[in-house]
Amino acid sequence: MAEIWTVWDAELAHTPSSLTQSGGERPEQRGAHDGAEPLWGVSRVRPDGVAHMHIIPHSTWEWRCAEYGVDPDDMDTLLDIVLHEPWIPDPNDVLSLANPAAAAVLEDTHGLPTCWTPAVSDTVRLQAQLARVESVKRHRVRMEPETQQVRQGVLAYVGVDKVAPADPLEPIKSLTRLDPVRVESRRLALNWYRDNLQKPARPMWDSKPAGAFVGRKPWGGVA
């Protein structure tokens, strides 16, 4: 039977930034040139009371949309995948079989295509990943929201003047907006990788290596 981990909160943070675009670099902040990429932190508590923070880069949502064809507006599906995929065992790790719960997931999902499998539709890839997630939720770990009453009581106890949302993941769902151009660029990269798994690929408009531009007529040729 799966462990129940309770979800308490989600908050937005960011990667380091040099702040050069905001009026001048501050000496104590030596991050990337631009930086301040969004990071989501999801607070979770294990059944034994140990708290965890799951850090999720904003780009993770873009990659899962590109990998499995998830609708960029379908945050429920994206969250279901991302919150549970850490417990999908690696089929190439033989030690996974030493864990009965992990072994059960491997048995359930053996032979399913992955996001890297060539010549498979996004629909089939997504169905396979959701099957893995459902197996994880059945055998290993299932995320469930802590009740609003309990979360509000803790906020009151520590003196935080904040109303706990009915859904602890509401900040992610209400604030996240995915750029379709960024999703599409990641899809192009994935297509190129998959195509090259089958045979040496020629760049096309929907499958090309980084920085490649195919063009729709010969350059320098007859107009």
C-alpha atoms as a PDB file:
ATOM      1  CA  MET A   1       0.000   0.000   0.000  1.00  0.00           C
ATOM      2  CA  ALA A   2       1.279   3.464  -0.910  1.00  0.00           C
ATOM      3  CA  GLU A   3       2.429   5.983   1.679  1.00  0.00           C
ATOM      4  CA  ILE A   4       0.329   9.146   1.897  1.00  0.00           C
ATOM      5  CA  TRP A   5       2.389  12.333   1.760  1.00  0.00           C
ATOM      6  CA  THR A   6       0.451  15.512   2.535  1.00  0.00           C
ATOM      7  CA  VAL A   7       0.952  18.683   0.486  1.00  0.00           C
ATOM      8  CA  TRP A   8       0.962  21.848   2.585  1.00  0.00           C
ATOM      9  CA  ASP A   9       2.008  24.785   0.471  1.00  0.00           C
ATOM     10  CA  ALA A  10       3.553  26.027  -2.773  1.00  0.00           C
ATOM     11  CA  GLU A  11       5.664  29.138  -3.037  1.00  0.00           C
ATOM     12  CA  LEU A  12       7.606  30.926  -5.749  1.00  0.00           C
ATOM     13  CA  ALA A  13      11.334  31.690  -5.571  1.00  0.00           C
ATOM     14  CA  HIS A  14      14.106  32.196  -8.144  1.00  0.00           C
ATOM     15  CA  THR A  15      17.626  31.235  -9.162  1.00  0.00           C
ATOM     16  CA  PRO A  16      20.582  33.537  -8.358  1.00  0.00           C
ATOM     17  CA  SER A  17      20.852  36.713 -10.411  1.00  0.00           C
ATOM     18  CA  SER A  18      23.568  39.304 -10.969  1.00  0.00           C
ATOM     19  CA  LEU A  19      20.812  41.948 -11.147  1.00  0.00           C
ATOM     20  CA  THR A  20      22.677  43.665 -13.987  1.00  0.00           C
ATOM     21  CA  GLN A  21      19.373  44.427 -15.673  1.00  0.00           C
ATOM     22  CA  SER A  22      17.930  46.091 -12.570  1.00  0.00           C
ATOM     23  CA  GLY A  23      20.314  49.006 -12.205  1.00  0.00           C
ATOM     24  CA  GLY A  24      23.704  47.584 -11.340  1.00  0.00           C
ATOM     25  CA  GLU A  25      25.370  44.457 -10.032  1.00  0.00           C
ATOM     26  CA  ARG A  26      25.522  43.957  -6.289  1.00  0.00           C
ATOM     27  CA  PRO A  27      28.897  42.504  -5.227  1.00  0.00           C
ATOM     28  CA  GLU A  28      27.392  39.916  -2.892  1.00  0.00           C
ATOM     29  CA  GLN A  29      25.265  38.378  -5.657  1.00  0.00           C
ATOM     30  CA  ARG A  30      27.426  36.592  -8.232  1.00  0.00           C
ATOM     31  CA  GLY A  31      24.883  34.440 -10.017  1.00  0.00           C
ATOM     32  CA  ALA A  32      24.203  34.013 -13.709  1.00  0.00           C
ATOM     33  CA  HIS A  33      24.242  37.078 -15.941  1.00  0.00           C
ATOM     34  CA  ASP A  34      20.465  37.317 -16.026  1.00  0.00           C
ATOM     35  CA  GLY A  35      19.228  34.573 -13.674  1.00  0.00           C
ATOM     36  CA  ALA A  36      16.111  34.945 -11.528  1.00  0.00           C
ATOM     37  CA  GLU A  37      14.577  31.961 -13.303  1.00  0.00           C
ATOM     38  CA  PRO A  38      11.385  30.873 -11.515  1.00  0.00           C
ATOM     39  CA  LEU A  39      11.586  27.998  -9.039  1.00  0.00           C
ATOM     40  CA  TRP A  40       8.573  26.464  -7.321  1.00  0.00           C
ATOM     41  CA  GLY A  41       8.861  24.923  -3.870  1.00  0.00           C
ATOM     42  CA  VAL A  42       6.173  22.433  -2.845  1.00  0.00           C
ATOM     43  CA  SER A  43       6.062  21.692   0.893  1.00  0.00           C
ATOM     44  CA  ARG A  44       5.242  18.062   1.718  1.00  0.00           C
ATOM     45  CA  VAL A  45       5.145  15.978   4.893  1.00  0.00           C
ATOM     46  CA  ARG A  46       5.841  12.244   5.088  1.00  0.00           C
ATOM     47  CA  PRO A  47       3.679   9.891   7.160  1.00  0.00           C
ATOM     48  CA  ASP A  48       6.332   9.950   9.924  1.00  0.00           C
ATOM     49  CA  GLY A  49       6.075  13.741  10.167  1.00  0.00           C
ATOM     50  CA  VAL A  50       9.305  14.586   8.331  1.00  0.00           C
ATOM     51  CA  ALA A  51       8.925  17.649   6.109  1.00  0.00           C
ATOM     52  CA  HIS A  52      10.313  17.906   2.567  1.00  0.00           C
ATOM     53  CA  MET A  53      10.556  20.696   0.003  1.00  0.00           C
ATOM     54  CA  HIS A  54      10.246  19.598  -3.636  1.00  0.00           C
ATOM     55  CA  ILE A  55      12.019  22.183  -5.833  1.00  0.00           C
ATOM     56  CA  ILE A  56      10.583  22.405  -9.352  1.00  0.00           C
ATOM     57  CA  PRO A  57      12.167  24.700 -11.968  1.00  0.00           C
ATOM     58  CA  HIS A  58       9.572  26.483 -14.097  1.00  0.00           C
ATOM     59  CA  SER A  59      11.133  24.896 -17.191  1.00  0.00           C
ATOM     60  CA  THR A  60      10.029  21.472 -15.909  1.00  0.00           C
ATOM     61  CA  TRP A  61       6.448  22.270 -16.948  1.00  0.00           C
ATOM     62  CA  GLU A  62       7.678  23.191 -20.442  1.00  0.00           C
ATOM     63  CA  TRP A  63       9.670  19.967 -20.785  1.00  0.00           C
ATOM     64  CA  ARG A  64       6.763  17.739 -19.725  1.00  0.00           C
ATOM     65  CA  CYS A  65       4.480  19.473 -22.216  1.00  0.00           C
ATOM     66  CA  ALA A  66       7.051  18.886 -24.966  1.00  0.00           C
ATOM     67  CA  GLU A  67       7.822  15.302 -23.921  1.00  0.00           C
ATOM     68  CA  TYR A  68       4.256  14.042 -23.607  1.00  0.00           C
ATOM     69  CA  GLY A  69       2.103  16.521 -25.506  1.00  0.00           C
ATOM     70  CA  VAL A  70       0.397  17.810 -22.354  1.00  0.00           C
ATOM     71  CA  ASP A  71      -1.798  20.872 -22.903  1.00  0.00           C
ATOM     72  CA  PRO A  72       0.174  23.838 -21.423  1.00  0.00           C
ATOM     73  CA  ASP A  73      -2.983  24.931 -19.604  1.00  0.00           C
ATOM     74  CA  ASP A  74      -3.510  21.511 -17.984  1.00  0.00           C
ATOM     75  CA  MET A  75      -1.657  22.137 -14.712  1.00  0.00           C
ATOM     76  CA  ASP A  76      -3.553  19.344 -12.955  1.00  0.00           C
ATOM     77  CA  THR A  77      -1.953  16.742 -15.247  1.00  0.00           C
ATOM     78  CA  LEU A  78       1.460  18.427 -15.129  1.00  0.00           C
ATOM     79  CA  LEU A  79       1.406  18.510 -11.328  1.00  0.00           C
ATOM     80  CA  ASP A  80       0.251  14.900 -11.091  1.00  0.00           C
ATOM     81  CA  ILE A  81       3.192  13.815 -13.243  1.00  0.00           C
ATOM     82  CA  VAL A  82       5.885  16.009 -11.698  1.00  0.00           C
ATOM     83  CA  LEU A  83       4.953  15.394  -8.058  1.00  0.00           C
ATOM     84  CA  HIS A  84       4.948  11.602  -8.440  1.00  0.00           C
ATOM     85  CA  GLU A  85       7.632  10.898 -11.062  1.00  0.00           C
ATOM     86  CA  PRO A  86      10.523  10.881  -8.516  1.00  0.00           C
ATOM     87  CA  TRP A  87       9.180   7.484  -7.406  1.00  0.00           C
ATOM     88  CA  ILE A  88       9.136   5.934 -10.871  1.00  0.00           C
ATOM     89  CA  PRO A  89      11.951   3.364 -10.578  1.00  0.00           C
ATOM     90  CA  ASP A  90      14.710   3.101 -13.143  1.00  0.00           C
ATOM     91  CA  PRO A  91      14.202  -0.200 -15.011  1.00  0.00           C
ATOM     92  CA  ASN A  92      17.989  -0.413 -15.515  1.00  0.00           C
ATOM     93  CA  ASP A  93      18.671  -0.268 -11.760  1.00  0.00           C
ATOM     94  CA  VAL A  94      18.588  -3.884 -10.582  1.00  0.00           C
ATOM     95  CA  LEU A  95      18.542  -2.730  -6.954  1.00  0.00           C
ATOM     96  CA  SER A  96      15.023  -1.424  -7.585  1.00  0.00           C
ATOM     97  CA  LEU A  97      13.866  -5.033  -7.391  1.00  0.00           C
ATOM     98  CA  ALA A  98      15.020  -5.174  -3.769  1.00  0.00           C
ATOM     99  CA  ASN A  99      12.211  -2.747  -2.895  1.00  0.00           C
ATOM    100  CA  PRO A 100       8.870  -4.603  -3.157  1.00  0.00           C
ATOM    101  CA  ALA A 101       6.933  -1.418  -3.926  1.00  0.00           C
ATOM    102  CA  ALA A 102       9.367  -0.348  -6.641  1.00  0.00           C
ATOM    103  CA  ALA A 103       9.359  -3.876  -8.054  1.00  0.00           C
ATOM    104  CA  ALA A 104       5.555  -3.739  -8.258  1.00  0.00           C
ATOM    105  CA  VAL A 105       5.735  -0.518 -10.281  1.00  0.00           C
ATOM    106  CA  LEU A 106       8.271  -2.084 -12.641  1.00  0.00           C
ATOM    107  CA  GLU A 107       5.997  -5.098 -13.104  1.00  0.00           C
ATOM    108  CA  ASP A 108       3.004  -2.851 -13.826  1.00  0.00           C
ATOM    109  CA  THR A 109       4.811  -0.677 -16.360  1.00  0.00           C
ATOM    110  CA  HIS A 110       7.248  -3.053 -18.052  1.00  0.00           C
ATOM    111  CA  GLY A 111       7.603  -2.378 -21.774  1.00  0.00           C
ATOM    112  CA  LEU A 112       5.769   0.947 -21.824  1.00  0.00           C
ATOM    113  CA  PRO A 113       7.262   3.602 -24.139  1.00  0.00           C
ATOM    114  CA  THR A 114       9.037   6.589 -22.651  1.00  0.00           C
ATOM    115  CA  CYS A 115       9.453  10.182 -23.804  1.00  0.00           C
ATOM    116  CA  TRP A 116      12.585   8.995 -25.695  1.00  0.00           C
ATOM    117  CA  THR A 117      10.916   6.180 -27.641  1.00  0.00           C
ATOM    118  CA  PRO A 118      10.929   7.037 -31.371  1.00  0.00           C
ATOM    119  CA  ALA A 119       7.988   6.514 -33.735  1.00  0.00           C
ATOM    120  CA  VAL A 120       5.400   6.797 -30.943  1.00  0.00           C
ATOM    121  CA  SER A 121       2.656   9.418 -30.752  1.00  0.00           C
ATOM    122  CA  ASP A 122       2.462  11.949 -27.926  1.00  0.00           C
ATOM    123  CA  THR A 123      -0.878  10.404 -26.960  1.00  0.00           C
ATOM    124  CA  VAL A 124       0.721   7.000 -26.411  1.00  0.00           C
ATOM    125  CA  ARG A 125       3.675   8.523 -24.536  1.00  0.00           C
ATOM    126  CA  LEU A 126       1.338  10.450 -22.224  1.00  0.00           C
ATOM    127  CA  GLN A 127      -0.830   7.393 -21.569  1.00  0.00           C
ATOM    128  CA  ALA A 128       2.303   5.443 -20.647  1.00  0.00           C
ATOM    129  CA  GLN A 129       3.573   8.124 -18.261  1.00  0.00           C
ATOM    130  CA  LEU A 130       0.177   8.469 -16.593  1.00  0.00           C
ATOM    131  CA  ALA A 131       0.124   4.673 -16.173  1.00  0.00           C
ATOM    132  CA  ARG A 132       3.481   4.918 -14.366  1.00  0.00           C
ATOM    133  CA  VAL A 133       2.152   7.703 -12.144  1.00  0.00           C
ATOM    134  CA  GLU A 134      -0.958   5.678 -11.269  1.00  0.00           C
ATOM    135  CA  SER A 135       1.211   2.679 -10.394  1.00  0.00           C
ATOM    136  CA  VAL A 136       3.399   4.866  -8.157  1.00  0.00           C
ATOM    137  CA  LYS A 137       0.284   6.184  -6.408  1.00  0.00           C
ATOM    138  CA  ARG A 138      -0.971   2.628  -5.934  1.00  0.00           C
ATOM    139  CA  HIS A 139       2.259   1.036  -4.668  1.00  0.00           C
ATOM    140  CA  ARG A 140       4.708   3.685  -3.438  1.00  0.00           C
ATOM    141  CA  VAL A 141       3.646   7.276  -2.676  1.00  0.00           C
ATOM    142  CA  ARG A 142       0.494   9.312  -3.186  1.00  0.00           C
ATOM    143  CA  MET A 143       0.327  13.085  -2.706  1.00  0.00           C
ATOM    144  CA  GLU A 144      -2.798  14.395  -1.026  1.00  0.00           C
ATOM    145  CA  PRO A 145      -3.549  17.934   0.183  1.00  0.00           C
ATOM    146  CA  GLU A 146      -3.510  18.543   3.916  1.00  0.00           C
ATOM    147  CA  THR A 147      -6.845  19.895   5.073  1.00  0.00           C
ATOM    148  CA  GLN A 148      -7.307  23.653   4.929  1.00  0.00           C
ATOM    149  CA  GLN A 149      -8.296  23.674   8.621  1.00  0.00           C
ATOM    150  CA  VAL A 150      -5.014  22.077   9.710  1.00  0.00           C
ATOM    151  CA  ARG A 151      -2.919  24.336   7.465  1.00  0.00           C
ATOM    152  CA  GLN A 152      -4.731  27.435   8.684  1.00  0.00           C
ATOM    153  CA  GLY A 153      -4.234  26.361  12.293  1.00  0.00           C
ATOM    154  CA  VAL A 154      -0.476  26.066  11.783  1.00  0.00           C
ATOM    155  CA  LEU A 155      -0.323  29.518  10.170  1.00  0.00           C
ATOM    156  CA  ALA A 156      -2.184  30.975  13.149  1.00  0.00           C
ATOM    157  CA  TYR A 157       0.097  29.161  15.619  1.00  0.00           C
ATOM    158  CA  VAL A 158       3.283  30.583  14.077  1.00  0.00           C
ATOM    159  CA  GLY A 159       1.737  34.042  13.727  1.00  0.00           C
ATOM    160  CA  VAL A 160       1.583  34.240   9.928  1.00  0.00           C
ATOM    161  CA  ASP A 161      -1.180  36.591   8.788  1.00  0.00           C
ATOM    162  CA  LYS A 162      -2.177  34.614   5.701  1.00  0.00           C
ATOM    163  CA  VAL A 163      -5.260  32.725   4.614  1.00  0.00           C
ATOM    164  CA  ALA A 164      -4.456  29.168   3.604  1.00  0.00           C
ATOM    165  CA  PRO A 165      -5.970  28.465   0.165  1.00  0.00           C
ATOM    166  CA  ALA A 166      -8.412  25.597  -0.163  1.00  0.00           C
ATOM    167  CA  ASP A 167      -5.943  23.976  -2.563  1.00  0.00           C
ATOM    168  CA  PRO A 168      -2.316  24.185  -1.340  1.00  0.00           C
ATOM    169  CA  LEU A 169      -1.145  24.071  -4.967  1.00  0.00           C
ATOM    170  CA  GLU A 170      -3.308  27.072  -5.904  1.00  0.00           C
ATOM    171  CA  PRO A 171      -0.305  29.444  -6.270  1.00  0.00           C
ATOM    172  CA  ILE A 172       1.147  27.245  -9.020  1.00  0.00           C
ATOM    173  CA  LYS A 173      -2.172  26.798 -10.788  1.00  0.00           C
ATOM    174  CA  SER A 174      -3.128  30.479 -10.697  1.00  0.00           C
ATOM    175  CA  LEU A 175       0.266  32.010 -11.549  1.00  0.00           C
ATOM    176  CA  THR A 176       1.793  29.606 -14.059  1.00  0.00           C
ATOM    177  CA  ARG A 177       1.530  30.607 -17.706  1.00  0.00           C
ATOM    178  CA  LEU A 178       3.593  28.632 -20.213  1.00  0.00           C
ATOM    179  CA  ASP A 179       5.069  30.244 -23.310  1.00  0.00           C
ATOM    180  CA  PRO A 180       4.056  28.120 -26.336  1.00  0.00           C
ATOM    181  CA  VAL A 181       7.236  29.165 -28.203  1.00  0.00           C
ATOM    182  CA  ARG A 182       9.458  27.802 -25.419  1.00  0.00           C
ATOM    183  CA  VAL A 183       7.425  24.574 -25.340  1.00  0.00           C
ATOM    184  CA  GLU A 184       7.707  24.232 -29.120  1.00  0.00           C
ATOM    185  CA  SER A 185      11.481  24.790 -29.061  1.00  0.00           C
ATOM    186  CA  ARG A 186      11.862  21.973 -26.549  1.00  0.00           C
ATOM    187  CA  ARG A 187       9.671  19.748 -28.709  1.00  0.00           C
ATOM    188  CA  LEU A 188      11.979  20.416 -31.691  1.00  0.00           C
ATOM    189  CA  ALA A 189      14.981  19.360 -29.614  1.00  0.00           C
ATOM    190  CA  LEU A 190      13.239  16.149 -28.531  1.00  0.00           C
ATOM    191  CA  ASN A 191      12.198  15.344 -32.105  1.00  0.00           C
ATOM    192  CA  TRP A 192      15.788  15.684 -33.306  1.00  0.00           C
ATOM    193  CA  TYR A 193      17.033  13.335 -30.594  1.00  0.00           C
ATOM    194  CA  ARG A 194      14.336  10.735 -31.306  1.00  0.00           C
ATOM    195  CA  ASP A 195      14.837  10.886 -35.064  1.00  0.00           C
ATOM    196  CA  ASN A 196      18.561  10.237 -34.673  1.00  0.00           C
ATOM    197  CA  LEU A 197      17.866   7.133 -32.585  1.00  0.00           C
ATOM    198  CA  GLN A 198      16.394   5.441 -35.672  1.00  0.00           C
ATOM    199  CA  LYS A 199      18.917   6.550 -38.291  1.00  0.00           C
ATOM    200  CA  PRO A 200      21.053   9.597 -39.140  1.00  0.00           C
ATOM    201  CA  ALA A 201      18.478  12.352 -39.534  1.00  0.00           C
ATOM    202  CA  ARG A 202      18.350  15.289 -41.929  1.00  0.00           C
ATOM    203  CA  PRO A 203      17.226  18.615 -40.457  1.00  0.00           C
ATOM    204  CA  MET A 204      13.590  19.442 -41.156  1.00  0.00           C
ATOM    205  CA  TRP A 205      11.333  22.242 -39.965  1.00  0.00           C
ATOM    206  CA  ASP A 206       9.896  20.151 -37.133  1.00  0.00           C
ATOM    207  CA  SER A 207      13.136  18.321 -36.266  1.00  0.00           C
ATOM    208  CA  LYS A 208      16.465  20.147 -36.213  1.00  0.00           C
ATOM    209  CA  PRO A 209      19.654  20.420 -34.144  1.00  0.00           C
ATOM    210  CA  ALA A 210      20.325  23.438 -31.980  1.00  0.00           C
ATOM    211  CA  GLY A 211      20.799  26.674 -33.920  1.00  0.00           C
ATOM    212  CA  ALA A 212      19.858  25.111 -37.268  1.00  0.00           C
ATOM    213  CA  PHE A 213      17.656  26.964 -39.763  1.00  0.00           C
ATOM    214  CA  VAL A 214      16.443  24.855 -42.654  1.00  0.00           C
ATOM    215  CA  GLY A 215      15.123  27.545 -45.006  1.00  0.00           C
ATOM    216  CA  ARG A 216      12.361  27.172 -47.572  1.00  0.00           C
ATOM    217  CA  LYS A 217      14.429  27.932 -50.718  1.00  0.00           C
ATOM    218  CA  PRO A 218      18.103  27.568 -51.696  1.00  0.00           C
ATOM    219  CA  TRP A 219      20.232  30.366 -50.302  1.00  0.00           C
ATOM    220  CA  GLY A 220      21.968  32.313 -53.034  1.00  0.00           C
ATOM    221  CA  GLY A 221      20.208  30.335 -55.743  1.00  0.00           C
ATOM    222  CA  VAL A 222      17.562  31.342 -58.233  1.00  0.00           C
ATOM    223  CA  ALA A 223      14.858  33.500 -56.665  1.00  0.00           C
END
